[in-house]
Amino acid sequence: MVITHKIPVDSPNSSITLPSISEQHIILRQLRHELLLQYRPILQQGAGPIRVMARMVAELERRCRELHITEEVMQEEIVNRTIGDVNLRLITECEGEPGGPGDYRMLAEELGIALPDEDINGYVAPGETYRWLRNQMLECERLLLSEGFDLRIYDILAVGNPILRGWLAEEMQHWGISVTTEQVYLGLGAMDSINKVLCGLSQMYREQGITDAAVLFPEPGFNIPEWQARSYGYRLLNYQTCPEDHFKLTASQLEELLENDSHICIIYLTVTNNPTTFAYSPAELDAIHAVVSRYNEAGREIFILADLAYIGTGKPEEDQARMATFTSPDVLRHCIFVSSLSKTHSL
């Protein structure tokens, strides 16, 4: 589908004639309608709806800017509730004095996202954190070179940055999880890491002669891993959780599922759920661990693929209590943790 709206221009050297505010609203709504028709077949083919909706919003915003539709009109007409990441460049809130404690526009500066002298909705960022981060990158590369690891040279062992892996292993100690550098693997965020885990486990199951490996996906939940798993030949078992359980998988439900399907070998568990926002309590996690441990002790190997993307965004003491449930050696040996720095550090 081709959208053919144009902005009239009198001549190549003349200024652009902008549509009126009311015309901009009409143009934007027509663009939105046409994009819905364009992307509907993609959604019906089974692609991840959250990602497709995010593409739709990004495409709509891009076309609006090409047509010189004002930011005010875009803010009135477009609501982006697709991806959990926060675009700090869009923050406008300032409670109290500019540059004071209530000026949330400063978050882009504080996290090193704002460029030097970048205007964040009226707040001009000095870019000091951005410059500091760039200097840290330089120092980290020098540190790697001093250890004999060159980022510019092919990684023969395919182990990735050993110093970063060591730092991440130390970071896990904050949650009481004792791991070594050798147990940490790098990916480009949680989604890429989940893909790598599912790829590696599928190869392991093939080598073991397992032809029916099922992954349990409690729903609703983050659904990108579902089509990642499907692409590697896993059988998907989607289980609809209940509102009365706050859309969380209970131990009794898990017991019944494992009893009825002997081929479940991976449980994808979002400890703090996207999109439901409900987080498992320590007691609920302990009960799930107890079920899985009983099956593992009986000789049936079941992994918990624990998605920790939102761990660190809640109350620290509550996240600490959740993670404490994983520290038992019997539980830990059957868990694969996947995390990222996007939700906690915008990295």
Protein backbone atom coordinates (compact mmCIF):
# COMPACT_ATOMS: atom_id res chain seq x y z
CA MET A 1 0.00 0.00 0.00
CA VAL A 2 1.34 3.43 -0.94
CA ILE A 3 0.31 6.53 0.98
CA THR A 4 0.41 9.55 -1.29
CA HIS A 5 -0.21 12.57 0.94
CA LYS A 6 1.99 15.47 -0.14
CA ILE A 7 2.86 18.88 1.24
CA PRO A 8 2.37 21.59 -1.42
CA VAL A 9 5.45 23.57 -2.36
CA ASP A 10 5.26 26.62 -4.63
CA SER A 11 8.73 26.19 -6.11
CA PRO A 12 12.00 24.39 -5.35
CA ASN A 13 13.33 27.41 -3.51
CA SER A 14 10.14 28.42 -1.71
CA SER A 15 9.24 27.65 1.87
CA ILE A 16 6.99 24.67 2.62
CA THR A 17 3.28 25.42 2.94
CA LEU A 18 2.21 23.66 6.11
CA PRO A 19 -1.28 22.24 6.56
CA SER A 20 -3.48 23.78 9.24
CA ILE A 21 -3.85 22.11 12.61
CA SER A 22 -7.25 20.69 11.69
CA GLU A 23 -5.83 19.37 8.40
CA GLN A 24 -2.95 17.76 10.28
CA HIS A 25 -5.40 15.85 12.48
CA ILE A 26 -7.23 14.60 9.39
CA ILE A 27 -4.00 13.56 7.63
CA LEU A 28 -2.71 11.74 10.72
CA ARG A 29 -5.94 9.82 11.21
CA GLN A 30 -5.93 8.77 7.57
CA LEU A 31 -2.30 7.63 7.86
CA ARG A 32 -3.18 5.63 10.96
CA HIS A 33 -6.12 3.95 9.22
CA GLU A 34 -4.02 3.01 6.19
CA LEU A 35 -1.24 1.59 8.38
CA LEU A 36 -3.77 -0.57 10.24
CA LEU A 37 -4.90 -2.04 6.92
CA GLN A 38 -1.29 -2.53 5.82
CA TYR A 39 -0.18 -4.36 8.97
CA ARG A 40 -3.35 -6.38 9.65
CA PRO A 41 -2.24 -9.32 7.43
CA ILE A 42 1.11 -9.43 9.25
CA LEU A 43 -0.68 -9.70 12.59
CA GLN A 44 -2.96 -12.41 11.23
CA GLN A 45 0.08 -14.44 10.16
CA GLY A 46 0.98 -14.81 13.83
CA ALA A 47 3.86 -12.36 14.27
CA GLY A 48 4.42 -10.97 17.78
CA PRO A 49 1.67 -8.35 18.18
CA ILE A 50 3.66 -6.12 20.51
CA ARG A 51 6.52 -5.85 18.02
CA VAL A 52 4.20 -5.30 15.08
CA MET A 53 2.32 -2.57 16.94
CA ALA A 54 5.64 -0.94 17.84
CA ARG A 55 6.61 -0.96 14.14
CA MET A 56 3.25 0.60 13.28
CA VAL A 57 3.72 3.42 15.78
CA ALA A 58 7.31 4.08 14.64
CA GLU A 59 6.24 4.11 10.99
CA LEU A 60 3.34 6.45 11.76
CA GLU A 61 5.59 8.87 13.63
CA ARG A 62 8.16 8.82 10.82
CA ARG A 63 5.58 9.59 8.14
CA CYS A 64 4.06 12.35 10.26
CA ARG A 65 7.42 14.07 10.55
CA GLU A 66 7.97 13.76 6.79
CA LEU A 67 4.67 15.59 6.34
CA HIS A 68 5.65 18.26 8.90
CA ILE A 69 2.87 17.37 11.32
CA THR A 70 3.60 19.10 14.61
CA GLU A 71 4.69 17.26 17.73
CA GLU A 72 1.64 18.66 19.55
CA VAL A 73 -0.74 17.03 17.08
CA MET A 74 1.23 13.76 17.22
CA GLN A 75 1.03 13.72 21.01
CA GLU A 76 -2.73 14.24 20.88
CA GLU A 77 -3.35 11.53 18.27
CA ILE A 78 -0.72 8.85 19.00
CA VAL A 79 -0.48 6.82 22.20
CA ASN A 80 2.46 4.41 22.25
CA ARG A 81 1.85 1.55 24.72
CA THR A 82 3.80 -1.09 22.85
CA ILE A 83 7.29 -1.55 24.32
CA GLY A 84 8.33 -1.32 27.96
CA ASP A 85 11.46 0.72 27.23
CA VAL A 86 11.14 4.41 28.08
CA ASN A 87 12.28 7.03 25.59
CA LEU A 88 13.84 9.56 27.95
CA ARG A 89 13.99 12.15 25.16
CA LEU A 90 10.19 12.41 25.27
CA ILE A 91 9.89 13.34 28.94
CA THR A 92 8.33 16.77 29.48
CA GLU A 93 7.51 16.70 33.20
CA CYS A 94 9.12 19.35 35.38
CA GLU A 95 7.71 19.78 38.88
CA GLY A 96 9.23 22.79 40.62
CA GLU A 97 12.39 24.58 39.56
CA PRO A 98 14.03 23.64 36.23
CA GLY A 99 17.13 21.59 36.96
CA GLY A 100 15.81 20.77 40.43
CA PRO A 101 14.83 17.41 41.99
CA GLY A 102 11.46 17.39 40.23
CA ASP A 103 12.81 18.02 36.74
CA TYR A 104 12.40 14.59 35.16
CA ARG A 105 13.77 15.86 31.85
CA MET A 106 17.20 15.51 33.46
CA LEU A 107 16.94 11.70 33.43
CA ALA A 108 18.33 11.60 29.88
CA GLU A 109 21.40 13.51 31.10
CA GLU A 110 21.78 11.44 34.26
CA LEU A 111 21.75 8.15 32.31
CA GLY A 112 24.15 9.44 29.65
CA ILE A 113 21.67 9.40 26.79
CA ALA A 114 21.47 13.15 26.14
CA LEU A 115 24.16 14.51 23.84
CA PRO A 116 26.10 17.65 24.82
CA ASP A 117 23.84 20.73 24.40
CA GLU A 118 20.85 18.59 23.37
CA ASP A 119 17.49 20.24 24.05
CA ILE A 120 15.22 17.83 25.97
CA ASN A 121 11.89 19.66 25.87
CA GLY A 122 13.37 22.93 27.13
CA TYR A 123 16.14 21.45 29.30
CA VAL A 124 19.55 21.86 27.65
CA ALA A 125 21.69 18.92 28.73
CA PRO A 126 25.40 19.52 29.35
CA GLY A 127 26.21 15.97 28.19
CA GLU A 128 28.65 15.36 31.02
CA THR A 129 27.44 11.80 31.65
CA TYR A 130 27.52 11.06 27.92
CA ARG A 131 31.16 12.19 27.77
CA TRP A 132 31.96 10.19 30.93
CA LEU A 133 30.49 7.03 29.40
CA ARG A 134 32.51 7.48 26.21
CA ASN A 135 35.65 7.86 28.30
CA GLN A 136 34.72 4.72 30.22
CA MET A 137 34.41 2.85 26.91
CA LEU A 138 37.93 3.95 26.01
CA GLU A 139 39.29 2.86 29.39
CA CYS A 140 37.52 -0.49 29.17
CA GLU A 141 39.03 -1.20 25.77
CA ARG A 142 42.49 -0.33 27.11
CA LEU A 143 41.86 -2.69 30.04
CA LEU A 144 40.90 -5.48 27.64
CA LEU A 145 44.01 -4.93 25.54
CA SER A 146 46.15 -5.11 28.67
CA GLU A 147 44.57 -8.53 29.34
CA GLY A 148 45.29 -9.72 25.80
CA PHE A 149 41.72 -9.46 24.49
CA ASP A 150 41.24 -7.33 21.37
CA LEU A 151 37.66 -6.40 20.48
CA ARG A 152 38.74 -5.77 16.88
CA ILE A 153 40.03 -9.30 16.35
CA TYR A 154 37.90 -12.39 15.70
CA ASP A 155 37.03 -14.17 18.96
CA ILE A 156 38.33 -17.67 18.21
CA LEU A 157 36.92 -19.23 21.39
CA ALA A 158 33.63 -17.32 20.95
CA VAL A 159 33.51 -16.56 24.69
CA GLY A 160 32.99 -12.81 24.41
CA ASN A 161 34.45 -10.04 26.53
CA PRO A 162 35.93 -11.89 29.55
CA ILE A 163 36.16 -8.81 31.77
CA LEU A 164 32.51 -7.91 31.20
CA ARG A 165 31.51 -11.50 31.92
CA GLY A 166 33.43 -11.33 35.18
CA TRP A 167 31.74 -8.08 36.15
CA LEU A 168 28.32 -9.55 35.40
CA ALA A 169 29.15 -12.61 37.51
CA GLU A 170 30.00 -10.25 40.38
CA GLU A 171 26.73 -8.39 39.78
CA MET A 172 24.82 -11.63 40.33
CA GLN A 173 26.33 -11.76 43.82
CA HIS A 174 24.14 -8.75 44.61
CA TRP A 175 21.15 -11.07 44.30
CA GLY A 176 22.85 -13.83 46.27
CA ILE A 177 23.48 -15.92 43.13
CA SER A 178 26.95 -17.43 43.10
CA VAL A 179 28.21 -17.92 39.53
CA THR A 180 31.60 -17.89 37.83
CA THR A 181 32.75 -15.97 34.77
CA GLU A 182 32.59 -19.20 32.77
CA GLN A 183 28.87 -19.52 33.52
CA VAL A 184 28.01 -16.09 32.10
CA TYR A 185 27.30 -15.68 28.38
CA LEU A 186 26.74 -12.43 26.54
CA GLY A 187 23.93 -11.38 24.23
CA LEU A 188 22.42 -8.19 22.90
CA GLY A 189 19.76 -7.92 25.57
CA ALA A 190 17.34 -10.43 27.03
CA MET A 191 15.57 -11.24 23.76
CA ASP A 192 18.80 -12.15 21.97
CA SER A 193 19.95 -14.12 25.02
CA ILE A 194 16.71 -16.13 25.14
CA ASN A 195 17.18 -16.93 21.46
CA LYS A 196 20.71 -18.18 22.12
CA VAL A 197 19.56 -20.33 25.07
CA LEU A 198 16.77 -21.96 23.07
CA CYS A 199 19.17 -22.55 20.17
CA GLY A 200 21.77 -24.19 22.39
CA LEU A 201 19.30 -26.38 24.25
CA SER A 202 17.67 -27.54 21.01
CA GLN A 203 21.07 -28.72 19.79
CA MET A 204 21.65 -30.51 23.10
CA TYR A 205 18.29 -32.29 22.81
CA ARG A 206 19.08 -33.38 19.24
CA GLU A 207 22.39 -34.84 20.40
CA GLN A 208 20.50 -36.71 23.14
CA GLY A 209 18.03 -38.09 20.59
CA ILE A 210 15.08 -36.19 22.06
CA THR A 211 12.62 -35.54 19.25
CA ASP A 212 9.74 -34.06 21.28
CA ALA A 213 10.96 -31.22 23.48
CA ALA A 214 8.14 -29.04 24.80
CA VAL A 215 8.37 -25.55 26.28
CA LEU A 216 5.73 -24.39 28.75
CA PHE A 217 4.62 -20.79 28.25
CA PRO A 218 2.23 -19.37 30.89
CA GLU A 219 -0.01 -16.77 29.27
CA PRO A 220 -0.50 -13.85 29.00
CA GLY A 221 3.19 -13.08 28.82
CA PHE A 222 6.02 -11.81 26.68
CA ASN A 223 5.41 -13.76 23.49
CA ILE A 224 8.59 -13.21 21.45
CA PRO A 225 10.21 -16.36 22.96
CA GLU A 226 7.25 -18.38 21.66
CA TRP A 227 8.11 -17.87 18.01
CA GLN A 228 11.81 -18.16 18.82
CA ALA A 229 11.08 -21.60 20.30
CA ARG A 230 8.85 -22.54 17.36
CA SER A 231 11.65 -21.68 14.92
CA TYR A 232 13.96 -24.19 16.67
CA GLY A 233 11.44 -27.02 16.46
CA TYR A 234 10.16 -27.05 20.03
CA ARG A 235 6.57 -28.01 20.75
CA LEU A 236 4.82 -25.14 22.48
CA LEU A 237 2.48 -25.69 25.40
CA ASN A 238 0.57 -22.47 26.05
CA TYR A 239 -1.23 -22.42 29.38
CA GLN A 240 -3.80 -19.71 30.08
CA THR A 241 -3.42 -18.40 33.63
CA CYS A 242 -6.38 -17.02 35.58
CA PRO A 243 -7.28 -13.51 36.79
CA GLU A 244 -7.92 -14.84 40.29
CA ASP A 245 -4.26 -15.99 40.36
CA HIS A 246 -3.16 -12.57 39.08
CA PHE A 247 -2.19 -14.26 35.81
CA LYS A 248 0.57 -16.27 37.49
CA LEU A 249 1.26 -19.98 37.16
CA THR A 250 0.52 -21.76 40.44
CA ALA A 251 2.38 -24.76 41.82
CA SER A 252 -0.71 -26.98 41.58
CA GLN A 253 -1.25 -26.01 37.94
CA LEU A 254 2.40 -26.73 37.17
CA GLU A 255 2.15 -30.11 38.92
CA GLU A 256 -0.80 -31.07 36.74
CA LEU A 257 0.86 -29.86 33.54
CA LEU A 258 4.07 -31.78 34.19
CA GLU A 259 2.11 -34.88 35.13
CA ASN A 260 0.05 -34.75 31.92
CA ASP A 261 2.92 -33.99 29.54
CA SER A 262 6.15 -35.89 30.12
CA HIS A 263 7.96 -33.99 27.35
CA ILE A 264 7.97 -30.57 29.02
CA CYS A 265 11.65 -29.82 29.48
CA ILE A 266 11.70 -26.00 29.71
CA ILE A 267 9.49 -23.64 31.70
CA TYR A 268 9.65 -20.02 30.54
CA LEU A 269 9.03 -17.97 33.67
CA THR A 270 8.89 -14.17 33.69
CA VAL A 271 9.52 -13.46 37.36
CA THR A 272 8.04 -9.98 36.93
CA ASN A 273 5.57 -10.23 34.10
CA ASN A 274 5.29 -8.14 30.98
CA PRO A 275 2.51 -7.30 30.08
CA THR A 276 0.47 -8.15 33.20
CA THR A 277 2.84 -6.25 35.61
CA PHE A 278 2.21 -8.89 38.31
CA ALA A 279 5.32 -10.30 40.01
CA TYR A 280 5.68 -13.67 41.69
CA SER A 281 5.98 -13.57 45.46
CA PRO A 282 8.78 -15.50 47.21
CA ALA A 283 6.22 -18.02 48.50
CA GLU A 284 4.83 -18.60 44.99
CA LEU A 285 8.34 -19.07 43.59
CA ASP A 286 9.30 -21.47 46.41
CA ALA A 287 6.23 -23.57 45.62
CA ILE A 288 7.14 -23.71 41.91
CA HIS A 289 10.74 -24.61 42.75
CA ALA A 290 9.53 -27.44 44.98
CA VAL A 291 7.49 -28.95 42.13
CA VAL A 292 10.33 -28.73 39.62
CA SER A 293 12.86 -30.10 42.12
CA ARG A 294 10.73 -33.20 42.77
CA TYR A 295 10.70 -34.04 39.07
CA ASN A 296 14.42 -33.36 38.68
CA GLU A 297 15.22 -35.56 41.66
CA ALA A 298 13.18 -38.32 40.02
CA GLY A 299 15.47 -38.16 36.98
CA ARG A 300 13.43 -35.96 34.65
CA GLU A 301 15.49 -32.89 33.74
CA ILE A 302 13.42 -29.70 33.61
CA PHE A 303 14.95 -26.25 33.23
CA ILE A 304 13.45 -22.99 34.43
CA LEU A 305 14.30 -20.28 31.91
CA ALA A 306 13.90 -17.30 34.24
CA ASP A 307 13.44 -13.95 32.52
CA LEU A 308 14.79 -11.27 34.88
CA ALA A 309 14.43 -8.30 32.52
CA TYR A 310 12.31 -6.34 35.04
CA ILE A 311 14.16 -7.45 38.17
CA GLY A 312 15.75 -4.28 39.53
CA THR A 313 12.86 -2.03 38.53
CA GLY A 314 10.69 -2.77 41.56
CA LYS A 315 11.18 -2.24 45.28
CA PRO A 316 14.74 -3.47 46.03
CA GLU A 317 13.79 -5.48 49.11
CA GLU A 318 10.99 -7.28 47.22
CA ASP A 319 13.22 -8.13 44.25
CA GLN A 320 15.89 -9.31 46.69
CA ALA A 321 13.38 -11.66 48.33
CA ARG A 322 12.28 -13.06 44.96
CA MET A 323 15.84 -13.76 43.87
CA ALA A 324 16.65 -15.39 47.22
CA THR A 325 14.35 -18.27 46.25
CA PHE A 326 16.79 -19.27 43.50
CA THR A 327 19.90 -19.50 45.68
CA SER A 328 19.48 -23.10 46.87
CA PRO A 329 21.95 -25.36 44.98
CA ASP A 330 19.13 -27.80 44.15
CA VAL A 331 17.16 -24.99 42.51
CA LEU A 332 20.09 -23.14 40.98
CA ARG A 333 21.47 -26.08 38.99
CA HIS A 334 18.27 -26.27 36.95
CA CYS A 335 17.84 -22.53 36.30
CA ILE A 336 19.02 -20.42 33.38
CA PHE A 337 18.81 -16.69 34.07
CA VAL A 338 18.32 -14.18 31.29
CA SER A 339 18.57 -10.47 31.97
CA SER A 340 19.42 -7.16 30.36
CA LEU A 341 20.40 -3.61 31.22
CA SER A 342 17.73 -1.96 29.07
CA LYS A 343 14.99 -1.65 31.70
CA THR A 344 17.27 -0.69 34.59
CA HIS A 345 19.91 1.44 32.81
CA SER A 346 18.47 2.28 29.35
CA LEU A 347 21.44 0.38 27.85
